[in-house]
PDB file of N, CA and C in Angstrom:
ATOM      1  N   MET A   1     -12.571  -4.638  -2.539  1.00  0.00           N
ATOM      2  CA  MET A   1     -10.942  -5.644  -2.984  1.00  0.00           C
ATOM      3  C   MET A   1     -10.185  -5.387  -1.753  1.00  0.00           C
ATOM      4  N   SER A   2      -9.290  -6.176  -1.339  1.00  0.00           N
ATOM      5  CA  SER A   2      -8.456  -5.788  -0.343  1.00  0.00           C
ATOM      6  C   SER A   2      -7.339  -6.724  -0.628  1.00  0.00           C
ATOM      7  N   CYS A   3      -6.050  -6.249  -0.203  1.00  0.00           N
ATOM      8  CA  CYS A   3      -4.780  -6.998  -0.360  1.00  0.00           C
ATOM      9  C   CYS A   3      -3.950  -6.674   1.145  1.00  0.00           C
ATOM     10  N   ILE A   4      -3.846  -7.958   1.694  1.00  0.00           N
ATOM     11  CA  ILE A   4      -2.988  -7.993   3.062  1.00  0.00           C
ATOM     12  C   ILE A   4      -1.640  -8.425   2.970  1.00  0.00           C
ATOM     13  N   ASN A   5      -0.907  -7.529   3.295  1.00  0.00           N
ATOM     14  CA  ASN A   5       0.700  -7.986   3.614  1.00  0.00           C
ATOM     15  C   ASN A   5       1.153  -8.477   2.474  1.00  0.00           C
ATOM     16  N   MET A   6       1.200  -7.451   1.191  1.00  0.00           N
ATOM     17  CA  MET A   6       1.605  -7.699  -0.110  1.00  0.00           C
ATOM     18  C   MET A   6       2.525  -6.420  -0.609  1.00  0.00           C
ATOM     19  N   VAL A   7       2.123  -5.615  -0.138  1.00  0.00           N
ATOM     20  CA  VAL A   7       2.852  -4.413  -0.958  1.00  0.00           C
ATOM     21  C   VAL A   7       4.250  -4.438  -0.520  1.00  0.00           C
ATOM     22  N   TYR A   8       4.453  -4.694   0.522  1.00  0.00           N
ATOM     23  CA  TYR A   8       6.071  -4.577   1.114  1.00  0.00           C
ATOM     24  C   TYR A   8       6.963  -5.795   0.786  1.00  0.00           C
ATOM     25  N   ILE A   9       6.127  -6.982   0.825  1.00  0.00           N
ATOM     26  CA  ILE A   9       7.136  -8.338   0.556  1.00  0.00           C
ATOM     27  C   ILE A   9       7.230  -8.788  -1.052  1.00  0.00           C
ATOM     28  N   SER A  10       6.839  -7.848  -2.049  1.00  0.00           N
ATOM     29  CA  SER A  10       6.954  -8.080  -3.196  1.00  0.00           C
ATOM     30  C   SER A  10       7.779  -6.873  -4.020  1.00  0.00           C
ATOM     31  N   LEU A  11       7.978  -7.002  -5.048  1.00  0.00           N
ATOM     32  CA  LEU A  11       8.537  -6.083  -6.150  1.00  0.00           C
ATOM     33  C   LEU A  11       7.842  -4.944  -6.185  1.00  0.00           C
ATOM     34  N   TRP A  12       8.310  -3.575  -6.306  1.00  0.00           N
ATOM     35  CA  TRP A  12       7.409  -2.697  -6.666  1.00  0.00           C
ATOM     36  C   TRP A  12       6.508  -2.650  -7.932  1.00  0.00           C
ATOM     37  N   SER A  13       6.992  -3.457  -8.939  1.00  0.00           N
ATOM     38  CA  SER A  13       6.277  -3.637 -10.256  1.00  0.00           C
ATOM     39  C   SER A  13       5.018  -4.548  -9.594  1.00  0.00           C
ATOM     40  N   THR A  14       5.120  -5.261  -8.796  1.00  0.00           N
ATOM     41  CA  THR A  14       3.921  -6.281  -8.215  1.00  0.00           C
ATOM     42  C   THR A  14       2.900  -5.108  -7.590  1.00  0.00           C
ATOM     43  N   THR A  15       3.242  -4.044  -6.933  1.00  0.00           N
ATOM     44  CA  THR A  15       2.237  -3.399  -6.209  1.00  0.00           C
ATOM     45  C   THR A  15       1.786  -2.691  -7.722  1.00  0.00           C
ATOM     46  N   LEU A  16       2.601  -2.196  -8.582  1.00  0.00           N
ATOM     47  CA  LEU A  16       1.722  -1.488  -9.707  1.00  0.00           C
ATOM     48  C   LEU A  16       0.855  -2.371 -10.500  1.00  0.00           C
ATOM     49  N   GLY A  17       0.876  -3.436 -10.599  1.00  0.00           N
ATOM     50  CA  GLY A  17       0.137  -4.600 -11.258  1.00  0.00           C
ATOM     51  C   GLY A  17      -1.153  -4.602 -10.521  1.00  0.00           C
ATOM     52  N   LEU A  18      -0.853  -4.688  -9.000  1.00  0.00           N
ATOM     53  CA  LEU A  18      -2.256  -4.840  -8.191  1.00  0.00           C
ATOM     54  C   LEU A  18      -3.198  -3.563  -8.568  1.00  0.00           C
ATOM     55  N   LEU A  19      -2.497  -2.350  -8.541  1.00  0.00           N
ATOM     56  CA  LEU A  19      -2.887  -1.229  -8.563  1.00  0.00           C
ATOM     57  C   LEU A  19      -3.753  -1.002  -9.634  1.00  0.00           C
ATOM     58  N   ALA A  20      -2.927  -1.546 -11.124  1.00  0.00           N
ATOM     59  CA  ALA A  20      -3.747  -1.387 -12.219  1.00  0.00           C
ATOM     60  C   ALA A  20      -4.872  -2.487 -12.483  1.00  0.00           C
ATOM     61  N   GLY A  21      -4.527  -3.518 -11.777  1.00  0.00           N
ATOM     62  CA  GLY A  21      -5.775  -4.386 -11.883  1.00  0.00           C
ATOM     63  C   GLY A  21      -7.050  -3.971 -10.848  1.00  0.00           C
ATOM     64  N   ALA A  22      -6.687  -3.320 -10.012  1.00  0.00           N
ATOM     65  CA  ALA A  22      -7.771  -2.981  -9.114  1.00  0.00           C
ATOM     66  C   ALA A  22      -8.713  -1.451 -10.084  1.00  0.00           C
ATOM     67  N   ALA A  23      -7.696  -0.780 -10.656  1.00  0.00           N
ATOM     68  CA  ALA A  23      -8.242   0.104 -11.410  1.00  0.00           C
ATOM     69  C   ALA A  23      -9.330  -0.606 -12.566  1.00  0.00           C
ATOM     70  N   ARG A  24      -8.844  -1.477 -13.237  1.00  0.00           N
ATOM     71  CA  ARG A  24      -9.807  -2.168 -14.223  1.00  0.00           C
ATOM     72  C   ARG A  24     -11.124  -2.721 -13.776  1.00  0.00           C
ATOM     73  N   LEU A  25     -10.857  -3.313 -12.494  1.00  0.00           N
ATOM     74  CA  LEU A  25     -11.676  -4.201 -11.984  1.00  0.00           C
ATOM     75  C   LEU A  25     -13.053  -3.308 -11.243  1.00  0.00           C
ATOM     76  N   LEU A  26     -12.588  -2.411 -10.645  1.00  0.00           N
ATOM     77  CA  LEU A  26     -13.267  -1.606  -9.425  1.00  0.00           C
ATOM     78  C   LEU A  26     -14.227  -0.704  -9.975  1.00  0.00           C
ATOM     79  N   ARG A  27     -15.490  -0.582  -9.573  1.00  0.00           N
ATOM     80  CA  ARG A  27     -16.103   0.489 -10.420  1.00  0.00           C
ATOM     81  C   ARG A  27     -15.774   1.429  -9.727  1.00  0.00           C
ATOM     82  N   ALA A  28     -16.872   2.777  -9.937  1.00  0.00           N
ATOM     83  CA  ALA A  28     -16.746   3.854  -9.152  1.00  0.00           C
ATOM     84  C   ALA A  28     -17.001   3.825  -8.089  1.00  0.00           C
ATOM     85  N   GLY A  29     -16.389   4.552  -7.078  1.00  0.00           N
ATOM     86  CA  GLY A  29     -17.058   4.683  -5.460  1.00  0.00           C
ATOM     87  C   GLY A  29     -16.681   3.373  -4.935  1.00  0.00           C
ATOM     88  N   ASP A  30     -16.149   1.945  -5.468  1.00  0.00           N
ATOM     89  CA  ASP A  30     -15.588   0.655  -4.810  1.00  0.00           C
ATOM     90  C   ASP A  30     -14.201   1.200  -3.960  1.00  0.00           C
ATOM     91  N   PRO A  31     -14.250   0.491  -3.147  1.00  0.00           N
ATOM     92  CA  PRO A  31     -12.656   0.525  -2.324  1.00  0.00           C
ATOM     93  C   PRO A  31     -11.967  -0.344  -2.435  1.00  0.00           C
ATOM     94  N   LEU A  32     -10.572   0.096  -2.214  1.00  0.00           N
ATOM     95  CA  LEU A  32      -9.322  -1.028  -2.415  1.00  0.00           C
ATOM     96  C   LEU A  32      -8.692  -0.613  -0.975  1.00  0.00           C
ATOM     97  N   PHE A  33      -8.936  -2.045   0.006  1.00  0.00           N
ATOM     98  CA  PHE A  33      -8.292  -1.672   1.051  1.00  0.00           C
ATOM     99  C   PHE A  33      -6.710  -2.444   1.380  1.00  0.00           C
ATOM    100  N   LEU A  34      -5.806  -1.653   1.516  1.00  0.00           N
ATOM    101  CA  LEU A  34      -4.648  -2.285   1.573  1.00  0.00           C
ATOM    102  C   LEU A  34      -4.098  -2.309   3.409  1.00  0.00           C
ATOM    103  N   HIS A  35      -3.561  -3.361   3.508  1.00  0.00           N
ATOM    104  CA  HIS A  35      -2.836  -4.012   4.797  1.00  0.00           C
ATOM    105  C   HIS A  35      -1.664  -3.955   5.164  1.00  0.00           C
ATOM    106  N   GLY A  36      -0.986  -3.118   6.126  1.00  0.00           N
ATOM    107  CA  GLY A  36       0.563  -3.622   6.247  1.00  0.00           C
ATOM    108  C   GLY A  36       1.408  -2.319   6.789  1.00  0.00           C
ATOM    109  N   PRO A  37       2.527  -2.448   6.842  1.00  0.00           N
ATOM    110  CA  PRO A  37       3.109  -1.530   7.616  1.00  0.00           C
ATOM    111  C   PRO A  37       3.644  -0.355   6.337  1.00  0.00           C
ATOM    112  N   PHE A  38       3.647   0.925   6.555  1.00  0.00           N
ATOM    113  CA  PHE A  38       3.929   1.952   5.254  1.00  0.00           C
ATOM    114  C   PHE A  38       4.893   2.741   6.047  1.00  0.00           C
ATOM    115  N   TYR A  39       5.746   3.508   5.378  1.00  0.00           N
ATOM    116  CA  TYR A  39       6.547   4.936   5.575  1.00  0.00           C
ATOM    117  C   TYR A  39       5.657   5.843   5.643  1.00  0.00           C
ATOM    118  N   ARG A  40       5.466   6.743   6.510  1.00  0.00           N
ATOM    119  CA  ARG A  40       4.612   7.875   6.730  1.00  0.00           C
ATOM    120  C   ARG A  40       5.553   8.916   6.736  1.00  0.00           C
ATOM    121  N   ALA A  41       5.591   9.820   5.598  1.00  0.00           N
ATOM    122  CA  ALA A  41       6.641  11.081   5.570  1.00  0.00           C
ATOM    123  C   ALA A  41       8.107  10.598   5.613  1.00  0.00           C
ATOM    124  N   GLY A  42       8.311   9.525   4.895  1.00  0.00           N
ATOM    125  CA  GLY A  42       9.640   9.131   4.878  1.00  0.00           C
ATOM    126  C   GLY A  42      10.274   8.008   5.992  1.00  0.00           C
ATOM    127  N   GLN A  43       9.213   8.330   7.115  1.00  0.00           N
ATOM    128  CA  GLN A  43      10.093   7.884   8.551  1.00  0.00           C
ATOM    129  C   GLN A  43       8.911   6.208   8.459  1.00  0.00           C
ATOM    130  N   PRO A  44       9.538   5.079   9.068  1.00  0.00           N
ATOM    131  CA  PRO A  44       8.679   4.136   9.646  1.00  0.00           C
ATOM    132  C   PRO A  44       7.833   4.557  10.669  1.00  0.00           C
ATOM    133  N   THR A  45       6.784   3.672  10.803  1.00  0.00           N
ATOM    134  CA  THR A  45       5.602   4.103  11.765  1.00  0.00           C
ATOM    135  C   THR A  45       6.050   3.948  13.184  1.00  0.00           C
ATOM    136  N   GLY A  46       7.473   2.989  13.316  1.00  0.00           N
ATOM    137  CA  GLY A  46       7.654   2.716  14.794  1.00  0.00           C
ATOM    138  C   GLY A  46       9.047   1.777  14.723  1.00  0.00           C
ATOM    139  N   PRO A  47       9.397   1.738  15.725  1.00  0.00           N
ATOM    140  CA  PRO A  47      10.881   0.791  15.714  1.00  0.00           C
ATOM    141  C   PRO A  47      10.568  -0.629  15.236  1.00  0.00           C
ATOM    142  N   SER A  48       9.747  -1.281  15.311  1.00  0.00           N
ATOM    143  CA  SER A  48       9.424  -2.577  14.932  1.00  0.00           C
ATOM    144  C   SER A  48       9.509  -2.536  13.423  1.00  0.00           C
ATOM    145  N   ASN A  49       8.798  -1.561  12.893  1.00  0.00           N
ATOM    146  CA  ASN A  49       8.471  -1.390  11.334  1.00  0.00           C
ATOM    147  C   ASN A  49       9.818  -1.287  10.674  1.00  0.00           C
ATOM    148  N   GLU A  50      10.823  -0.584  11.305  1.00  0.00           N
ATOM    149  CA  GLU A  50      12.116   0.069  11.160  1.00  0.00           C
ATOM    150  C   GLU A  50      13.006  -1.383  10.986  1.00  0.00           C
ATOM    151  N   THR A  51      12.900  -2.340  12.030  1.00  0.00           N
ATOM    152  CA  THR A  51      13.232  -3.509  11.867  1.00  0.00           C
ATOM    153  C   THR A  51      12.844  -4.423  10.815  1.00  0.00           C
ATOM    154  N   PHE A  52      11.751  -4.494  11.038  1.00  0.00           N
ATOM    155  CA  PHE A  52      11.041  -5.385   9.940  1.00  0.00           C
ATOM    156  C   PHE A  52      11.492  -4.953   8.411  1.00  0.00           C
ATOM    157  N   ASP A  53      11.516  -3.560   8.223  1.00  0.00           N
ATOM    158  CA  ASP A  53      12.018  -3.264   7.034  1.00  0.00           C
ATOM    159  C   ASP A  53      13.266  -3.877   6.445  1.00  0.00           C
ATOM    160  N   ALA A  54      14.431  -3.479   7.602  1.00  0.00           N
ATOM    161  CA  ALA A  54      15.703  -4.213   7.282  1.00  0.00           C
ATOM    162  C   ALA A  54      15.778  -5.607   6.941  1.00  0.00           C
ATOM    163  N   SER A  55      14.845  -6.470   7.952  1.00  0.00           N
ATOM    164  CA  SER A  55      14.685  -7.983   7.683  1.00  0.00           C
ATOM    165  C   SER A  55      14.539  -8.562   6.225  1.00  0.00           C
ATOM    166  N   LEU A  56      13.394  -7.431   5.709  1.00  0.00           N
ATOM    167  CA  LEU A  56      13.187  -7.520   4.446  1.00  0.00           C
ATOM    168  C   LEU A  56      13.973  -7.417   3.474  1.00  0.00           C
ATOM    169  N   LYS A  57      14.539  -6.467   3.298  1.00  0.00           N
ATOM    170  CA  LYS A  57      15.908  -6.300   2.574  1.00  0.00           C
ATOM    171  C   LYS A  57      17.155  -7.020   2.667  1.00  0.00           C
ATOM    172  N   THR A  58      17.095  -7.521   3.758  1.00  0.00           N
ATOM    173  CA  THR A  58      18.055  -8.822   3.601  1.00  0.00           C
ATOM    174  C   THR A  58      17.992  -9.800   3.157  1.00  0.00           C
ATOM    175  N   ARG A  59      16.573 -10.232   2.820  1.00  0.00           N
ATOM    176  CA  ARG A  59      16.052 -11.228   2.051  1.00  0.00           C
ATOM    177  C   ARG A  59      16.310 -11.073   0.689  1.00  0.00           C
ATOM    178  N   ASN A  60      15.737  -9.975   0.334  1.00  0.00           N
ATOM    179  CA  ASN A  60      15.488  -9.562  -0.960  1.00  0.00           C
ATOM    180  C   ASN A  60      15.642  -7.516  -1.030  1.00  0.00           C
ATOM    181  N   PRO A  61      16.637  -7.103  -1.741  1.00  0.00           N
ATOM    182  CA  PRO A  61      16.879  -5.838  -1.584  1.00  0.00           C
ATOM    183  C   PRO A  61      15.592  -5.026  -2.177  1.00  0.00           C
ATOM    184  N   LEU A  62      15.009  -5.403  -3.043  1.00  0.00           N
ATOM    185  CA  LEU A  62      13.956  -4.991  -3.915  1.00  0.00           C
ATOM    186  C   LEU A  62      12.534  -5.122  -3.161  1.00  0.00           C
ATOM    187  N   TRP A  63      12.423  -5.734  -1.988  1.00  0.00           N
ATOM    188  CA  TRP A  63      11.324  -5.649  -0.896  1.00  0.00           C
ATOM    189  C   TRP A  63      11.575  -4.399   0.032  1.00  0.00           C
ATOM    190  N   GLY A  64      10.791  -4.307   0.907  1.00  0.00           N
ATOM    191  CA  GLY A  64      10.534  -3.575   1.950  1.00  0.00           C
ATOM    192  C   GLY A  64       9.262  -2.426   2.288  1.00  0.00           C
ATOM    193  N   LEU A  65       9.184  -1.907   3.314  1.00  0.00           N
ATOM    194  CA  LEU A  65       8.104  -0.760   3.686  1.00  0.00           C
ATOM    195  C   LEU A  65       8.101   0.092   2.300  1.00  0.00           C
ATOM    196  N   ARG A  66       6.699   0.328   1.900  1.00  0.00           N
ATOM    197  CA  ARG A  66       6.638   1.702   0.710  1.00  0.00           C
ATOM    198  C   ARG A  66       6.252   2.712   1.461  1.00  0.00           C
ATOM    199  N   ASN A  67       6.528   3.764   0.633  1.00  0.00           N
ATOM    200  CA  ASN A  67       5.957   5.160   1.445  1.00  0.00           C
ATOM    201  C   ASN A  67       4.460   4.876   0.809  1.00  0.00           C
ATOM    202  N   GLY A  68       3.723   5.389   1.993  1.00  0.00           N
ATOM    203  CA  GLY A  68       2.387   5.499   1.759  1.00  0.00           C
ATOM    204  C   GLY A  68       1.845   6.709   0.853  1.00  0.00           C
ATOM    205  N   VAL A  69       2.343   7.668   0.483  1.00  0.00           N
ATOM    206  CA  VAL A  69       2.137   8.704  -0.412  1.00  0.00           C
ATOM    207  C   VAL A  69       2.357   8.121  -1.899  1.00  0.00           C
ATOM    208  N   THR A  70       3.598   7.726  -1.988  1.00  0.00           N
ATOM    209  CA  THR A  70       4.047   6.783  -3.234  1.00  0.00           C
ATOM    210  C   THR A  70       2.804   6.014  -3.886  1.00  0.00           C
ATOM    211  N   VAL A  71       2.203   5.212  -2.827  1.00  0.00           N
ATOM    212  CA  VAL A  71       1.304   4.050  -3.262  1.00  0.00           C
ATOM    213  C   VAL A  71       0.216   4.738  -3.605  1.00  0.00           C
ATOM    214  N   ILE A  72      -0.023   5.877  -2.668  1.00  0.00           N
ATOM    215  CA  ILE A  72      -1.661   6.329  -3.281  1.00  0.00           C
ATOM    216  C   ILE A  72      -1.580   7.312  -4.649  1.00  0.00           C
ATOM    217  N   VAL A  73      -0.590   7.753  -4.819  1.00  0.00           N
ATOM    218  CA  VAL A  73      -0.018   8.425  -6.182  1.00  0.00           C
ATOM    219  C   VAL A  73       0.086   7.213  -7.274  1.00  0.00           C
ATOM    220  N   ALA A  74       0.092   6.400  -6.850  1.00  0.00           N
ATOM    221  CA  ALA A  74       0.529   5.437  -7.877  1.00  0.00           C
ATOM    222  C   ALA A  74      -0.827   4.754  -8.204  1.00  0.00           C
ATOM    223  N   ALA A  75      -1.565   5.178  -7.603  1.00  0.00           N
ATOM    224  CA  ALA A  75      -3.074   4.233  -7.723  1.00  0.00           C
ATOM    225  C   ALA A  75      -3.879   5.482  -8.393  1.00  0.00           C
ATOM    226  N   ASP A  76      -3.370   5.769  -9.854  1.00  0.00           N
ATOM    227  CA  ASP A  76      -3.949   6.728 -10.379  1.00  0.00           C
ATOM    228  C   ASP A  76      -5.352   6.395 -10.707  1.00  0.00           C
ATOM    229  N   GLY A  77      -6.434   7.298 -10.729  1.00  0.00           N
ATOM    230  CA  GLY A  77      -7.936   7.307 -10.449  1.00  0.00           C
ATOM    231  C   GLY A  77      -8.401   6.808  -9.289  1.00  0.00           C
ATOM    232  N   SER A  78      -7.660   6.904  -8.007  1.00  0.00           N
ATOM    233  CA  SER A  78      -8.245   6.688  -6.998  1.00  0.00           C
ATOM    234  C   SER A  78      -7.556   7.702  -6.203  1.00  0.00           C
ATOM    235  N   THR A  79      -8.623   7.774  -4.893  1.00  0.00           N
ATOM    236  CA  THR A  79      -8.286   8.806  -3.721  1.00  0.00           C
ATOM    237  C   THR A  79      -8.299   8.109  -2.403  1.00  0.00           C
ATOM    238  N   LEU A  80      -7.193   8.605  -1.527  1.00  0.00           N
ATOM    239  CA  LEU A  80      -7.492   8.233  -0.042  1.00  0.00           C
ATOM    240  C   LEU A  80      -8.493   8.451   0.525  1.00  0.00           C
ATOM    241  N   ALA A  81      -9.136   7.570   0.953  1.00  0.00           N
ATOM    242  CA  ALA A  81     -10.645   7.630   1.792  1.00  0.00           C
ATOM    243  C   ALA A  81     -10.522   7.782   3.164  1.00  0.00           C
ATOM    244  N   ARG A  82      -9.595   7.146   3.700  1.00  0.00           N
ATOM    245  CA  ARG A  82      -9.128   6.904   5.017  1.00  0.00           C
ATOM    246  C   ARG A  82      -7.967   5.935   5.362  1.00  0.00           C
ATOM    247  N   VAL A  83      -7.548   6.332   6.431  1.00  0.00           N
ATOM    248  CA  VAL A  83      -6.668   5.425   7.305  1.00  0.00           C
ATOM    249  C   VAL A  83      -7.172   4.867   8.559  1.00  0.00           C
ATOM    250  N   VAL A  84      -7.104   3.576   8.617  1.00  0.00           N
ATOM    251  CA  VAL A  84      -7.863   2.965   9.849  1.00  0.00           C
ATOM    252  C   VAL A  84      -6.320   2.351  10.538  1.00  0.00           C
ATOM    253  N   GLN A  85      -5.996   3.127  11.529  1.00  0.00           N
ATOM    254  CA  GLN A  85      -4.815   2.776  12.642  1.00  0.00           C
ATOM    255  C   GLN A  85      -5.428   1.392  13.185  1.00  0.00           C
ATOM    256  N   MET A  86      -4.326   0.226  13.368  1.00  0.00           N
ATOM    257  CA  MET A  86      -4.590  -0.844  13.774  1.00  0.00           C
ATOM    258  C   MET A  86      -3.475  -1.139  14.365  1.00  0.00           C
ATOM    259  N   PRO A  87      -3.402  -2.095  15.479  1.00  0.00           N
ATOM    260  CA  PRO A  87      -2.211  -2.376  16.435  1.00  0.00           C
ATOM    261  C   PRO A  87      -0.865  -2.612  15.447  1.00  0.00           C
ATOM    262  N   ALA A  88       0.071  -2.787  15.878  1.00  0.00           N
ATOM    263  CA  ALA A  88       1.508  -2.853  15.680  1.00  0.00           C
ATOM    264  C   ALA A  88       1.785  -2.034  14.476  1.00  0.00           C
ATOM    265  N   ASN A  89       1.147  -0.762  14.567  1.00  0.00           N
ATOM    266  CA  ASN A  89       1.511   0.476  13.116  1.00  0.00           C
ATOM    267  C   ASN A  89       1.108  -0.090  11.885  1.00  0.00           C
ATOM    268  N   ASN A  90       0.143  -1.039  11.386  1.00  0.00           N
ATOM    269  CA  ASN A  90       0.237  -1.662  10.350  1.00  0.00           C
ATOM    270  C   ASN A  90      -1.403  -1.206   9.868  1.00  0.00           C
ATOM    271  N   PRO A  91      -1.931  -0.071   9.432  1.00  0.00           N
ATOM    272  CA  PRO A  91      -3.100   0.686   9.296  1.00  0.00           C
ATOM    273  C   PRO A  91      -3.777   0.206   7.941  1.00  0.00           C
ATOM    274  N   TRP A  92      -5.014  -0.174   7.430  1.00  0.00           N
ATOM    275  CA  TRP A  92      -5.558  -0.229   6.748  1.00  0.00           C
ATOM    276  C   TRP A  92      -5.784   1.209   5.989  1.00  0.00           C
ATOM    277  N   VAL A  93      -5.274   1.240   4.656  1.00  0.00           N
ATOM    278  CA  VAL A  93      -5.299   2.586   3.738  1.00  0.00           C
ATOM    279  C   VAL A  93      -6.500   1.590   2.883  1.00  0.00           C
ATOM    280  N   VAL A  94      -7.284   3.033   3.023  1.00  0.00           N
ATOM    281  CA  VAL A  94      -8.411   2.855   1.944  1.00  0.00           C
ATOM    282  C   VAL A  94      -8.349   3.782   1.048  1.00  0.00           C
ATOM    283  N   LEU A  95      -8.464   3.000  -0.488  1.00  0.00           N
ATOM    284  CA  LEU A  95      -8.525   3.980  -1.573  1.00  0.00           C
ATOM    285  C   LEU A  95      -9.932   4.122  -2.265  1.00  0.00           C
ATOM    286  N   GLN A  96     -10.044   5.059  -2.836  1.00  0.00           N
ATOM    287  CA  GLN A  96     -11.482   4.565  -3.347  1.00  0.00           C
ATOM    288  C   GLN A  96     -11.464   5.197  -4.880  1.00  0.00           C
ATOM    289  N   ARG A  97     -12.071   4.364  -5.560  1.00  0.00           N
ATOM    290  CA  ARG A  97     -12.003   4.546  -7.050  1.00  0.00           C
ATOM    291  C   ARG A  97     -12.764   5.632  -7.520  1.00  0.00           C
ATOM    292  N   ASN A  98     -12.258   6.368  -8.249  1.00  0.00           N
ATOM    293  CA  ASN A  98     -13.013   7.698  -8.674  1.00  0.00           C
ATOM    294  C   ASN A  98     -13.732   7.137 -10.134  1.00  0.00           C
ATOM    295  N   SER A  99     -13.234   6.566 -10.981  1.00  0.00           N
ATOM    296  CA  SER A  99     -13.925   6.477 -12.454  1.00  0.00           C
ATOM    297  C   SER A  99     -13.640   5.201 -12.944  1.00  0.00           C
ATOM    298  N   LEU A 100     -14.032   4.913 -13.812  1.00  0.00           N
ATOM    299  CA  LEU A 100     -13.523   3.850 -14.721  1.00  0.00           C
ATOM    300  C   LEU A 100     -12.495   3.979 -15.765  1.00  0.00           C
ATOM    301  N   GLN A 101     -12.030   5.484 -15.933  1.00  0.00           N
ATOM    302  CA  GLN A 101     -11.046   5.711 -16.675  1.00  0.00           C
ATOM    303  C   GLN A 101      -9.779   5.419 -15.890  1.00  0.00           C
ATOM    304  N   THR A 102      -8.700   5.164 -16.329  1.00  0.00           N
ATOM    305  CA  THR A 102      -7.626   4.982 -15.831  1.00  0.00           C
ATOM    306  C   THR A 102      -6.285   5.742 -16.629  1.00  0.00           C
TER     307      THR A 102
END
């Protein structure tokens, strides 16, 4: 299952809904791919992402780049399988479902 460019341009509750839905639908070992900019260690991964985050927040103060660790922790029952670096500092974050239990 993949989700491209949604986590930062939606409410946090929407991301939580995505993660909960993935937990219900994915089987043990299945991946969830998230793509887009994230904060890493509380910092944007580049100047363009910092500017983009500020732009998002002017449109809706509840939007914006998410801390990658916060997203991973919220994906209860999944673990970080890998991060694939991509151009423009927008990586693929690959979570792997541990079990069918949430």
